[in-house]
Amino acid sequence: MSTSSAVTATSRFSVTPKRFSQLALATFIALGLIILSGAAVRLTGSGLGCPDWPSCYHHQLQASASIHPIIEFGNRLVTIAITVLIGVTIVAAHVRKPRRRDLILLSWLLALGVIGDAVLGGIVVYTKLNPYLVSIHMWLSIAMLVVGIVLFHRSKYQYGTGARAEVANEATQRVARVISAVFALVIIAGTATTGSGPHAGGSQGQLVAKRLPFALRDVVMAHAAIATAFVGLVAATFIILESIGAPQRLRGGARRLLIVSCIQGAIGFIQYATHLPAWLVEIHVLGAVSLTIGVTNFQLGQVARDKEAWAIKTPRQMPA
């Protein structure tokens, strides 16, 4: 093969930075959707709709024509779709031009996460929805979402030797880390609350799936206290950023985070006052996904970086 032919073949199978970023965005969105579909499985009592894994039944791959098996099997199909999407992302990271090691490592980290999450899901089924494992299942899904957000962010910005990396304010950067740590506690307390509540995940309720050995009211109060501290910390951060005239990306990120956290807090109060209706708990999970995105982006926004050339918006030319 001639040199020119080799170059042509290589370029034919290469991926542009813009195309890779679009793929990273699709992966990140899919990772958020799997959290919502997994919550729907639990809240509809479909956790044991497919009593076997990876097949739905011992001698049958697909679900039977009833609601709980269909919902549980549908969630498994979403997992398969995400696995394929992450596989494509890995290939794209390797053939991206120019090639970046950080994007390759993050893509492989997502692959390890989805494999671990799928295996853990199978163990959850065979342990009849062990509440501790269900909580870990949620934590791992949230962690994968964070990795997906970081992958998408890095795909749009320049990283590596010589790339600009300016910290706007070291004190604010430390506060952002504290916000992330407190939010992690909010997630842990939230899963403990769900694990102690009435939504066991099995269609036969608590006769099938055990609950965490905590009084629901006590766990709710602990969750509310941590969430209140989180909102207060975000509010104080926003006020300080506004007063010192911080960069717009930081003030805007803190503002959005404050708005979403206040809405999330209101939803949490209403769902407890109305005895945890399943549809409202699902909305609360959506709020948790939104907060995960907000907290991660706020952390990433602490360092100013130059965008990739394709991501720089050029002003529109006025017609002559």
C-alpha atoms as a PDB file:
ATOM      1  CA  MET A   1       0.000   0.000   0.000  1.00  0.00           C
ATOM      2  CA  SER A   2       1.357   3.440  -0.914  1.00  0.00           C
ATOM      3  CA  THR A   3       1.888   6.189   1.657  1.00  0.00           C
ATOM      4  CA  SER A   4      -0.975   8.238   0.255  1.00  0.00           C
ATOM      5  CA  SER A   5      -3.304   5.222   0.422  1.00  0.00           C
ATOM      6  CA  ALA A   6      -2.360   4.591   4.054  1.00  0.00           C
ATOM      7  CA  VAL A   7      -3.087   8.210   4.970  1.00  0.00           C
ATOM      8  CA  THR A   8      -6.446   8.014   3.206  1.00  0.00           C
ATOM      9  CA  ALA A   9      -7.376   4.788   5.045  1.00  0.00           C
ATOM     10  CA  THR A  10      -6.381   6.268   8.398  1.00  0.00           C
ATOM     11  CA  SER A  11      -8.375   9.454   7.892  1.00  0.00           C
ATOM     12  CA  ARG A  12     -11.384   7.446   6.796  1.00  0.00           C
ATOM     13  CA  PHE A  13     -11.551   5.781  10.210  1.00  0.00           C
ATOM     14  CA  SER A  14     -10.661   8.839  12.274  1.00  0.00           C
ATOM     15  CA  VAL A  15     -13.084  10.819  14.426  1.00  0.00           C
ATOM     16  CA  THR A  16     -13.051  14.603  14.662  1.00  0.00           C
ATOM     17  CA  PRO A  17     -13.002  16.313  18.094  1.00  0.00           C
ATOM     18  CA  LYS A  18     -16.486  17.704  17.446  1.00  0.00           C
ATOM     19  CA  ARG A  19     -17.914  14.297  16.547  1.00  0.00           C
ATOM     20  CA  PHE A  20     -16.341  12.722  19.620  1.00  0.00           C
ATOM     21  CA  SER A  21     -17.806  15.447  21.846  1.00  0.00           C
ATOM     22  CA  GLN A  22     -21.263  14.766  20.383  1.00  0.00           C
ATOM     23  CA  LEU A  23     -20.794  11.088  21.184  1.00  0.00           C
ATOM     24  CA  ALA A  24     -19.663  11.955  24.727  1.00  0.00           C
ATOM     25  CA  LEU A  25     -22.788  14.092  25.144  1.00  0.00           C
ATOM     26  CA  ALA A  26     -25.021  11.208  24.041  1.00  0.00           C
ATOM     27  CA  THR A  27     -23.248   8.910  26.521  1.00  0.00           C
ATOM     28  CA  PHE A  28     -23.638  11.396  29.350  1.00  0.00           C
ATOM     29  CA  ILE A  29     -27.383  11.798  28.642  1.00  0.00           C
ATOM     30  CA  ALA A  30     -27.843   8.026  28.468  1.00  0.00           C
ATOM     31  CA  LEU A  31     -26.151   7.622  31.863  1.00  0.00           C
ATOM     32  CA  GLY A  32     -28.702  10.021  33.337  1.00  0.00           C
ATOM     33  CA  LEU A  33     -31.581   8.171  31.698  1.00  0.00           C
ATOM     34  CA  ILE A  34     -30.521   4.795  33.117  1.00  0.00           C
ATOM     35  CA  ILE A  35     -30.748   6.255  36.621  1.00  0.00           C
ATOM     36  CA  LEU A  36     -34.312   7.365  35.928  1.00  0.00           C
ATOM     37  CA  SER A  37     -35.305   4.046  34.354  1.00  0.00           C
ATOM     38  CA  GLY A  38     -33.744   2.145  37.261  1.00  0.00           C
ATOM     39  CA  ALA A  39     -35.724   4.262  39.710  1.00  0.00           C
ATOM     40  CA  ALA A  40     -38.893   3.553  37.706  1.00  0.00           C
ATOM     41  CA  VAL A  41     -38.238  -0.185  38.077  1.00  0.00           C
ATOM     42  CA  ARG A  42     -38.103   0.166  41.830  1.00  0.00           C
ATOM     43  CA  LEU A  43     -41.011   2.576  42.183  1.00  0.00           C
ATOM     44  CA  THR A  44     -43.346   0.424  40.068  1.00  0.00           C
ATOM     45  CA  GLY A  45     -42.501  -2.687  42.091  1.00  0.00           C
ATOM     46  CA  SER A  46     -40.822  -4.317  39.076  1.00  0.00           C
ATOM     47  CA  GLY A  47     -37.460  -5.135  40.624  1.00  0.00           C
ATOM     48  CA  LEU A  48     -38.202  -8.869  40.520  1.00  0.00           C
ATOM     49  CA  GLY A  49     -40.199  -8.745  37.292  1.00  0.00           C
ATOM     50  CA  CYS A  50     -37.368 -10.801  35.799  1.00  0.00           C
ATOM     51  CA  PRO A  51     -36.345 -13.291  38.506  1.00  0.00           C
ATOM     52  CA  ASP A  52     -33.185 -14.403  36.649  1.00  0.00           C
ATOM     53  CA  TRP A  53     -30.165 -12.647  35.173  1.00  0.00           C
ATOM     54  CA  PRO A  54     -29.010 -11.979  32.494  1.00  0.00           C
ATOM     55  CA  SER A  55     -32.036 -13.717  30.976  1.00  0.00           C
ATOM     56  CA  CYS A  56     -35.460 -12.747  32.250  1.00  0.00           C
ATOM     57  CA  TYR A  57     -36.367 -16.337  33.102  1.00  0.00           C
ATOM     58  CA  HIS A  58     -34.241 -19.455  33.349  1.00  0.00           C
ATOM     59  CA  HIS A  59     -35.152 -20.693  29.854  1.00  0.00           C
ATOM     60  CA  GLN A  60     -36.406 -17.436  28.338  1.00  0.00           C
ATOM     61  CA  LEU A  61     -34.415 -14.347  27.406  1.00  0.00           C
ATOM     62  CA  GLN A  62     -37.265 -11.905  26.869  1.00  0.00           C
ATOM     63  CA  ALA A  63     -39.952 -10.823  29.317  1.00  0.00           C
ATOM     64  CA  SER A  64     -43.501 -12.158  29.391  1.00  0.00           C
ATOM     65  CA  ALA A  65     -46.396  -9.928  28.390  1.00  0.00           C
ATOM     66  CA  SER A  66     -47.099  -8.480  31.839  1.00  0.00           C
ATOM     67  CA  ILE A  67     -46.257  -5.085  33.252  1.00  0.00           C
ATOM     68  CA  HIS A  68     -43.534  -5.856  35.824  1.00  0.00           C
ATOM     69  CA  PRO A  69     -41.381  -8.118  33.606  1.00  0.00           C
ATOM     70  CA  ILE A  70     -41.693  -5.637  30.731  1.00  0.00           C
ATOM     71  CA  ILE A  71     -40.526  -2.715  32.886  1.00  0.00           C
ATOM     72  CA  GLU A  72     -37.590  -4.637  34.359  1.00  0.00           C
ATOM     73  CA  PHE A  73     -36.574  -6.086  30.974  1.00  0.00           C
ATOM     74  CA  GLY A  74     -36.887  -2.637  29.404  1.00  0.00           C
ATOM     75  CA  ASN A  75     -34.398  -1.291  31.919  1.00  0.00           C
ATOM     76  CA  ARG A  76     -32.008  -4.099  30.986  1.00  0.00           C
ATOM     77  CA  LEU A  77     -32.348  -3.175  27.318  1.00  0.00           C
ATOM     78  CA  VAL A  78     -31.408   0.399  28.203  1.00  0.00           C
ATOM     79  CA  THR A  79     -28.314  -0.972  29.951  1.00  0.00           C
ATOM     80  CA  ILE A  80     -27.396  -2.936  26.829  1.00  0.00           C
ATOM     81  CA  ALA A  81     -27.851   0.174  24.684  1.00  0.00           C
ATOM     82  CA  ILE A  82     -25.582   2.162  27.012  1.00  0.00           C
ATOM     83  CA  THR A  83     -22.980  -0.615  26.921  1.00  0.00           C
ATOM     84  CA  VAL A  84     -22.935  -0.462  23.125  1.00  0.00           C
ATOM     85  CA  LEU A  85     -22.764   3.343  23.203  1.00  0.00           C
ATOM     86  CA  ILE A  86     -19.822   3.284  25.608  1.00  0.00           C
ATOM     87  CA  GLY A  87     -18.112   0.694  23.416  1.00  0.00           C
ATOM     88  CA  VAL A  88     -18.461   3.030  20.436  1.00  0.00           C
ATOM     89  CA  THR A  89     -17.146   5.886  22.591  1.00  0.00           C
ATOM     90  CA  ILE A  90     -14.041   3.859  23.461  1.00  0.00           C
ATOM     91  CA  VAL A  91     -13.340   3.139  19.798  1.00  0.00           C
ATOM     92  CA  ALA A  92     -13.937   6.789  18.938  1.00  0.00           C
ATOM     93  CA  ALA A  93     -11.528   7.917  21.674  1.00  0.00           C
ATOM     94  CA  HIS A  94      -8.805   5.713  20.205  1.00  0.00           C
ATOM     95  CA  VAL A  95      -9.261   6.986  16.635  1.00  0.00           C
ATOM     96  CA  ARG A  96      -9.929  10.617  17.549  1.00  0.00           C
ATOM     97  CA  LYS A  97      -7.597  13.052  15.798  1.00  0.00           C
ATOM     98  CA  PRO A  98      -5.719  14.380  17.665  1.00  0.00           C
ATOM     99  CA  ARG A  99      -5.623  11.488  20.089  1.00  0.00           C
ATOM    100  CA  ARG A 100      -5.943  12.328  23.783  1.00  0.00           C
ATOM    101  CA  ARG A 101      -4.997   9.929  26.544  1.00  0.00           C
ATOM    102  CA  ASP A 102      -7.371  11.468  29.126  1.00  0.00           C
ATOM    103  CA  LEU A 103     -10.417  10.851  26.926  1.00  0.00           C
ATOM    104  CA  ILE A 104      -9.344   7.249  26.327  1.00  0.00           C
ATOM    105  CA  LEU A 105      -8.906   6.585  30.057  1.00  0.00           C
ATOM    106  CA  LEU A 106     -12.273   8.147  30.939  1.00  0.00           C
ATOM    107  CA  SER A 107     -14.008   6.102  28.230  1.00  0.00           C
ATOM    108  CA  TRP A 108     -12.508   2.881  29.593  1.00  0.00           C
ATOM    109  CA  LEU A 109     -13.474   3.915  33.119  1.00  0.00           C
ATOM    110  CA  LEU A 110     -17.088   4.165  31.941  1.00  0.00           C
ATOM    111  CA  ALA A 111     -16.798   0.669  30.456  1.00  0.00           C
ATOM    112  CA  LEU A 112     -15.586  -0.749  33.764  1.00  0.00           C
ATOM    113  CA  GLY A 113     -18.383   1.089  35.554  1.00  0.00           C
ATOM    114  CA  VAL A 114     -21.168  -0.199  33.324  1.00  0.00           C
ATOM    115  CA  ILE A 115     -19.862  -3.770  33.595  1.00  0.00           C
ATOM    116  CA  GLY A 116     -19.678  -3.483  37.366  1.00  0.00           C
ATOM    117  CA  ASP A 117     -23.138  -1.926  37.530  1.00  0.00           C
ATOM    118  CA  ALA A 118     -24.637  -4.682  35.353  1.00  0.00           C
ATOM    119  CA  VAL A 119     -23.074  -7.461  37.448  1.00  0.00           C
ATOM    120  CA  LEU A 120     -24.198  -5.738  40.638  1.00  0.00           C
ATOM    121  CA  GLY A 121     -27.703  -5.518  39.167  1.00  0.00           C
ATOM    122  CA  GLY A 122     -27.675  -9.287  38.686  1.00  0.00           C
ATOM    123  CA  ILE A 123     -26.574  -9.814  42.283  1.00  0.00           C
ATOM    124  CA  VAL A 124     -29.367  -7.491  43.422  1.00  0.00           C
ATOM    125  CA  VAL A 125     -31.896  -9.715  41.634  1.00  0.00           C
ATOM    126  CA  TYR A 126     -30.525 -12.957  43.092  1.00  0.00           C
ATOM    127  CA  THR A 127     -30.429 -11.486  46.625  1.00  0.00           C
ATOM    128  CA  LYS A 128     -34.108 -10.497  46.294  1.00  0.00           C
ATOM    129  CA  LEU A 129     -33.387  -6.761  46.222  1.00  0.00           C
ATOM    130  CA  ASN A 130     -31.030  -6.546  49.164  1.00  0.00           C
ATOM    131  CA  PRO A 131     -31.458  -2.891  50.243  1.00  0.00           C
ATOM    132  CA  TYR A 132     -27.754  -2.352  50.908  1.00  0.00           C
ATOM    133  CA  LEU A 133     -26.822  -3.569  47.426  1.00  0.00           C
ATOM    134  CA  VAL A 134     -29.605  -1.510  45.863  1.00  0.00           C
ATOM    135  CA  SER A 135     -28.118   1.585  47.518  1.00  0.00           C
ATOM    136  CA  ILE A 136     -24.643   0.750  46.212  1.00  0.00           C
ATOM    137  CA  HIS A 137     -26.188   0.189  42.782  1.00  0.00           C
ATOM    138  CA  MET A 138     -27.486   3.765  42.888  1.00  0.00           C
ATOM    139  CA  TRP A 139     -24.168   5.188  44.102  1.00  0.00           C
ATOM    140  CA  LEU A 140     -22.298   3.493  41.270  1.00  0.00           C
ATOM    141  CA  SER A 141     -24.780   4.835  38.719  1.00  0.00           C
ATOM    142  CA  ILE A 142     -24.317   8.367  40.088  1.00  0.00           C
ATOM    143  CA  ALA A 143     -20.529   7.932  39.959  1.00  0.00           C
ATOM    144  CA  MET A 144     -20.750   6.843  36.327  1.00  0.00           C
ATOM    145  CA  LEU A 145     -22.849   9.911  35.549  1.00  0.00           C
ATOM    146  CA  VAL A 146     -20.109  12.094  37.061  1.00  0.00           C
ATOM    147  CA  VAL A 147     -17.490  10.404  34.873  1.00  0.00           C
ATOM    148  CA  GLY A 148     -19.734  10.936  31.838  1.00  0.00           C
ATOM    149  CA  ILE A 149     -20.042  14.652  32.660  1.00  0.00           C
ATOM    150  CA  VAL A 150     -16.270  14.972  33.030  1.00  0.00           C
ATOM    151  CA  LEU A 151     -15.730  13.161  29.720  1.00  0.00           C
ATOM    152  CA  PHE A 152     -18.096  15.513  27.902  1.00  0.00           C
ATOM    153  CA  HIS A 153     -16.527  18.578  29.544  1.00  0.00           C
ATOM    154  CA  ARG A 154     -12.998  17.537  28.685  1.00  0.00           C
ATOM    155  CA  SER A 155     -13.994  16.790  25.091  1.00  0.00           C
ATOM    156  CA  LYS A 156     -14.825  20.497  24.638  1.00  0.00           C
ATOM    157  CA  TYR A 157     -11.734  21.979  26.305  1.00  0.00           C
ATOM    158  CA  GLN A 158      -7.992  21.828  25.872  1.00  0.00           C
ATOM    159  CA  TYR A 159      -6.142  19.693  28.428  1.00  0.00           C
ATOM    160  CA  GLY A 160      -2.572  18.540  28.645  1.00  0.00           C
ATOM    161  CA  THR A 161       0.893  20.045  28.633  1.00  0.00           C
ATOM    162  CA  GLY A 162       0.862  23.738  27.758  1.00  0.00           C
ATOM    163  CA  ALA A 163      -2.922  24.126  27.988  1.00  0.00           C
ATOM    164  CA  ARG A 164      -4.227  27.114  29.937  1.00  0.00           C
ATOM    165  CA  ALA A 165      -5.509  26.227  33.426  1.00  0.00           C
ATOM    166  CA  GLU A 166      -6.243  29.320  35.517  1.00  0.00           C
ATOM    167  CA  VAL A 167      -7.878  29.034  38.934  1.00  0.00           C
ATOM    168  CA  ALA A 168     -10.131  32.067  39.456  1.00  0.00           C
ATOM    169  CA  ASN A 169     -10.038  31.889  43.245  1.00  0.00           C
ATOM    170  CA  GLU A 170      -8.350  29.219  45.355  1.00  0.00           C
ATOM    171  CA  ALA A 171     -10.736  29.783  48.268  1.00  0.00           C
ATOM    172  CA  THR A 172     -13.745  29.290  46.008  1.00  0.00           C
ATOM    173  CA  GLN A 173     -12.142  26.163  44.587  1.00  0.00           C
ATOM    174  CA  ARG A 174     -11.855  24.744  48.114  1.00  0.00           C
ATOM    175  CA  VAL A 175     -15.494  25.634  48.788  1.00  0.00           C
ATOM    176  CA  ALA A 176     -16.503  23.847  45.586  1.00  0.00           C
ATOM    177  CA  ARG A 177     -14.810  20.710  46.882  1.00  0.00           C
ATOM    178  CA  VAL A 178     -16.704  21.012  50.164  1.00  0.00           C
ATOM    179  CA  ILE A 179     -19.963  21.405  48.224  1.00  0.00           C
ATOM    180  CA  SER A 180     -19.160  18.216  46.308  1.00  0.00           C
ATOM    181  CA  ALA A 181     -18.396  16.345  49.550  1.00  0.00           C
ATOM    182  CA  VAL A 182     -21.605  17.500  51.252  1.00  0.00           C
ATOM    183  CA  PHE A 183     -23.589  16.592  48.147  1.00  0.00           C
ATOM    184  CA  ALA A 184     -22.143  13.073  48.301  1.00  0.00           C
ATOM    185  CA  LEU A 185     -23.503  12.857  51.867  1.00  0.00           C
ATOM    186  CA  VAL A 186     -26.877  14.076  50.594  1.00  0.00           C
ATOM    187  CA  ILE A 187     -26.934  11.245  48.032  1.00  0.00           C
ATOM    188  CA  ILE A 188     -25.947   8.646  50.639  1.00  0.00           C
ATOM    189  CA  ALA A 189     -28.631   9.871  53.060  1.00  0.00           C
ATOM    190  CA  GLY A 190     -31.165   9.993  50.227  1.00  0.00           C
ATOM    191  CA  THR A 191     -30.594   6.376  49.229  1.00  0.00           C
ATOM    192  CA  ALA A 192     -30.827   5.380  52.901  1.00  0.00           C
ATOM    193  CA  THR A 193     -34.170   7.184  53.072  1.00  0.00           C
ATOM    194  CA  THR A 194     -35.476   5.347  50.019  1.00  0.00           C
ATOM    195  CA  GLY A 195     -34.106   2.072  51.371  1.00  0.00           C
ATOM    196  CA  SER A 196     -36.041   2.616  54.592  1.00  0.00           C
ATOM    197  CA  GLY A 197     -39.259   3.697  52.891  1.00  0.00           C
ATOM    198  CA  PRO A 198     -42.191   1.837  51.387  1.00  0.00           C
ATOM    199  CA  HIS A 199     -40.786   1.390  47.860  1.00  0.00           C
ATOM    200  CA  ALA A 200     -39.020  -1.934  48.202  1.00  0.00           C
ATOM    201  CA  GLY A 201     -38.888  -2.597  44.474  1.00  0.00           C
ATOM    202  CA  GLY A 202     -40.749  -5.919  44.547  1.00  0.00           C
ATOM    203  CA  SER A 203     -44.360  -6.229  43.483  1.00  0.00           C
ATOM    204  CA  GLN A 204     -45.194  -7.970  46.736  1.00  0.00           C
ATOM    205  CA  GLY A 205     -43.697  -5.108  48.741  1.00  0.00           C
ATOM    206  CA  GLN A 206     -41.961  -5.798  51.985  1.00  0.00           C
ATOM    207  CA  LEU A 207     -42.916  -9.464  51.968  1.00  0.00           C
ATOM    208  CA  VAL A 208     -40.330  -9.867  49.187  1.00  0.00           C
ATOM    209  CA  ALA A 209     -37.689  -7.195  49.708  1.00  0.00           C
ATOM    210  CA  LYS A 210     -36.327  -6.292  53.108  1.00  0.00           C
ATOM    211  CA  ARG A 211     -35.881  -2.660  54.080  1.00  0.00           C
ATOM    212  CA  LEU A 212     -32.979  -0.957  55.814  1.00  0.00           C
ATOM    213  CA  PRO A 213     -33.301  -1.315  59.624  1.00  0.00           C
ATOM    214  CA  PHE A 214     -33.834   2.408  60.246  1.00  0.00           C
ATOM    215  CA  ALA A 215     -36.924   4.292  61.297  1.00  0.00           C
ATOM    216  CA  LEU A 216     -38.102   6.211  58.252  1.00  0.00           C
ATOM    217  CA  ARG A 217     -38.724   9.419  60.187  1.00  0.00           C
ATOM    218  CA  ASP A 218     -35.211   9.390  61.662  1.00  0.00           C
ATOM    219  CA  VAL A 219     -33.559   8.864  58.275  1.00  0.00           C
ATOM    220  CA  VAL A 220     -35.729  11.557  56.681  1.00  0.00           C
ATOM    221  CA  MET A 221     -34.724  14.046  59.389  1.00  0.00           C
ATOM    222  CA  ALA A 222     -31.031  13.230  58.877  1.00  0.00           C
ATOM    223  CA  HIS A 223     -31.399  13.563  55.114  1.00  0.00           C
ATOM    224  CA  ALA A 224     -33.243  16.864  55.505  1.00  0.00           C
ATOM    225  CA  ALA A 225     -30.562  18.231  57.847  1.00  0.00           C
ATOM    226  CA  ILE A 226     -27.735  17.409  55.437  1.00  0.00           C
ATOM    227  CA  ALA A 227     -29.725  18.750  52.479  1.00  0.00           C
ATOM    228  CA  THR A 228     -30.422  21.986  54.371  1.00  0.00           C
ATOM    229  CA  ALA A 229     -26.719  22.378  55.089  1.00  0.00           C
ATOM    230  CA  PHE A 230     -26.022  21.804  51.395  1.00  0.00           C
ATOM    231  CA  VAL A 231     -28.525  24.472  50.298  1.00  0.00           C
ATOM    232  CA  GLY A 232     -27.154  26.901  52.876  1.00  0.00           C
ATOM    233  CA  LEU A 233     -23.604  26.312  51.672  1.00  0.00           C
ATOM    234  CA  VAL A 234     -24.608  26.858  48.041  1.00  0.00           C
ATOM    235  CA  ALA A 235     -26.548  30.022  48.952  1.00  0.00           C
ATOM    236  CA  ALA A 236     -23.602  31.449  50.892  1.00  0.00           C
ATOM    237  CA  THR A 237     -21.258  30.631  48.016  1.00  0.00           C
ATOM    238  CA  PHE A 238     -23.549  32.358  45.526  1.00  0.00           C
ATOM    239  CA  ILE A 239     -23.790  35.501  47.672  1.00  0.00           C
ATOM    240  CA  ILE A 240     -20.011  35.672  48.098  1.00  0.00           C
ATOM    241  CA  LEU A 241     -19.361  35.130  44.379  1.00  0.00           C
ATOM    242  CA  GLU A 242     -21.792  37.933  43.537  1.00  0.00           C
ATOM    243  CA  SER A 243     -20.228  40.294  46.083  1.00  0.00           C
ATOM    244  CA  ILE A 244     -16.659  39.822  44.830  1.00  0.00           C
ATOM    245  CA  GLY A 245     -17.609  40.023  41.161  1.00  0.00           C
ATOM    246  CA  ALA A 246     -16.449  36.498  40.338  1.00  0.00           C
ATOM    247  CA  PRO A 247     -16.353  35.343  36.696  1.00  0.00           C
ATOM    248  CA  GLN A 248     -19.772  34.851  35.135  1.00  0.00           C
ATOM    249  CA  ARG A 249     -19.252  31.099  34.702  1.00  0.00           C
ATOM    250  CA  LEU A 250     -18.912  30.732  38.495  1.00  0.00           C
ATOM    251  CA  ARG A 251     -21.771  33.060  39.403  1.00  0.00           C
ATOM    252  CA  GLY A 252     -24.033  31.466  36.812  1.00  0.00           C
ATOM    253  CA  GLY A 253     -23.119  27.961  37.961  1.00  0.00           C
ATOM    254  CA  ALA A 254     -23.799  28.823  41.602  1.00  0.00           C
ATOM    255  CA  ARG A 255     -27.100  30.494  40.674  1.00  0.00           C
ATOM    256  CA  ARG A 256     -28.336  27.461  38.748  1.00  0.00           C
ATOM    257  CA  LEU A 257     -27.192  25.141  41.518  1.00  0.00           C
ATOM    258  CA  LEU A 258     -29.061  27.208  44.125  1.00  0.00           C
ATOM    259  CA  ILE A 259     -32.280  27.246  42.096  1.00  0.00           C
ATOM    260  CA  VAL A 260     -32.244  23.490  41.459  1.00  0.00           C
ATOM    261  CA  SER A 261     -31.363  22.665  45.072  1.00  0.00           C
ATOM    262  CA  CYS A 262     -34.234  24.820  46.389  1.00  0.00           C
ATOM    263  CA  ILE A 263     -36.671  23.125  43.995  1.00  0.00           C
ATOM    264  CA  GLN A 264     -35.306  19.730  45.014  1.00  0.00           C
ATOM    265  CA  GLY A 265     -35.753  20.597  48.681  1.00  0.00           C
ATOM    266  CA  ALA A 266     -39.348  21.643  48.105  1.00  0.00           C
ATOM    267  CA  ILE A 267     -40.076  18.388  46.260  1.00  0.00           C
ATOM    268  CA  GLY A 268     -38.529  16.417  49.118  1.00  0.00           C
ATOM    269  CA  PHE A 269     -40.718  18.156  51.680  1.00  0.00           C
ATOM    270  CA  ILE A 270     -43.884  17.650  49.606  1.00  0.00           C
ATOM    271  CA  GLN A 271     -43.207  13.974  48.925  1.00  0.00           C
ATOM    272  CA  TYR A 272     -42.719  13.243  52.627  1.00  0.00           C
ATOM    273  CA  ALA A 273     -45.842  15.233  53.568  1.00  0.00           C
ATOM    274  CA  THR A 274     -47.861  13.292  50.953  1.00  0.00           C
ATOM    275  CA  HIS A 275     -46.508   9.885  52.107  1.00  0.00           C
ATOM    276  CA  LEU A 276     -43.995   9.325  49.288  1.00  0.00           C
ATOM    277  CA  PRO A 277     -46.118   8.854  46.139  1.00  0.00           C
ATOM    278  CA  ALA A 278     -44.067   6.940  43.551  1.00  0.00           C
ATOM    279  CA  TRP A 279     -44.406   9.544  40.777  1.00  0.00           C
ATOM    280  CA  LEU A 280     -43.111  12.307  43.056  1.00  0.00           C
ATOM    281  CA  VAL A 281     -40.177  10.160  44.200  1.00  0.00           C
ATOM    282  CA  GLU A 282     -39.270   9.695  40.523  1.00  0.00           C
ATOM    283  CA  ILE A 283     -39.246  13.477  40.082  1.00  0.00           C
ATOM    284  CA  HIS A 284     -37.012  13.692  43.164  1.00  0.00           C
ATOM    285  CA  VAL A 285     -34.599  11.270  41.487  1.00  0.00           C
ATOM    286  CA  LEU A 286     -34.643  13.523  38.421  1.00  0.00           C
ATOM    287  CA  GLY A 287     -33.715  16.381  40.744  1.00  0.00           C
ATOM    288  CA  ALA A 288     -30.803  14.336  42.096  1.00  0.00           C
ATOM    289  CA  VAL A 289     -29.564  13.775  38.548  1.00  0.00           C
ATOM    290  CA  SER A 290     -29.858  17.504  37.834  1.00  0.00           C
ATOM    291  CA  LEU A 291     -27.961  18.375  41.018  1.00  0.00           C
ATOM    292  CA  THR A 292     -25.236  15.878  40.138  1.00  0.00           C
ATOM    293  CA  ILE A 293     -24.777  17.671  36.831  1.00  0.00           C
ATOM    294  CA  GLY A 294     -24.785  21.080  38.520  1.00  0.00           C
ATOM    295  CA  VAL A 295     -22.336  20.167  41.292  1.00  0.00           C
ATOM    296  CA  THR A 296     -19.914  18.490  38.862  1.00  0.00           C
ATOM    297  CA  ASN A 297     -20.006  21.377  36.395  1.00  0.00           C
ATOM    298  CA  PHE A 298     -19.500  23.894  39.202  1.00  0.00           C
ATOM    299  CA  GLN A 299     -16.432  21.964  40.325  1.00  0.00           C
ATOM    300  CA  LEU A 300     -15.079  21.790  36.765  1.00  0.00           C
ATOM    301  CA  GLY A 301     -15.771  25.493  36.240  1.00  0.00           C
ATOM    302  CA  GLN A 302     -13.323  26.501  38.954  1.00  0.00           C
ATOM    303  CA  VAL A 303     -10.500  26.249  36.412  1.00  0.00           C
ATOM    304  CA  ALA A 304     -10.641  28.420  33.301  1.00  0.00           C
ATOM    305  CA  ARG A 305      -9.536  26.585  30.168  1.00  0.00           C
ATOM    306  CA  ASP A 306      -9.468  27.337  26.454  1.00  0.00           C
ATOM    307  CA  LYS A 307     -12.092  25.629  24.331  1.00  0.00           C
ATOM    308  CA  GLU A 308     -11.245  23.343  21.467  1.00  0.00           C
ATOM    309  CA  ALA A 309     -11.201  25.234  18.174  1.00  0.00           C
ATOM    310  CA  TRP A 310     -14.456  23.664  16.959  1.00  0.00           C
ATOM    311  CA  ALA A 311     -16.290  24.698  20.163  1.00  0.00           C
ATOM    312  CA  ILE A 312     -15.474  28.404  19.855  1.00  0.00           C
ATOM    313  CA  LYS A 313     -18.530  30.286  18.672  1.00  0.00           C
ATOM    314  CA  THR A 314     -17.759  32.918  16.085  1.00  0.00           C
ATOM    315  CA  PRO A 315     -19.967  36.026  15.873  1.00  0.00           C
ATOM    316  CA  ARG A 316     -22.400  36.060  13.006  1.00  0.00           C
ATOM    317  CA  GLN A 317     -21.580  38.375  10.167  1.00  0.00           C
ATOM    318  CA  MET A 318     -24.123  41.110   9.530  1.00  0.00           C
ATOM    319  CA  PRO A 319     -25.407  41.155   5.950  1.00  0.00           C
ATOM    320  CA  ALA A 320     -23.912  43.907   3.832  1.00  0.00           C
END
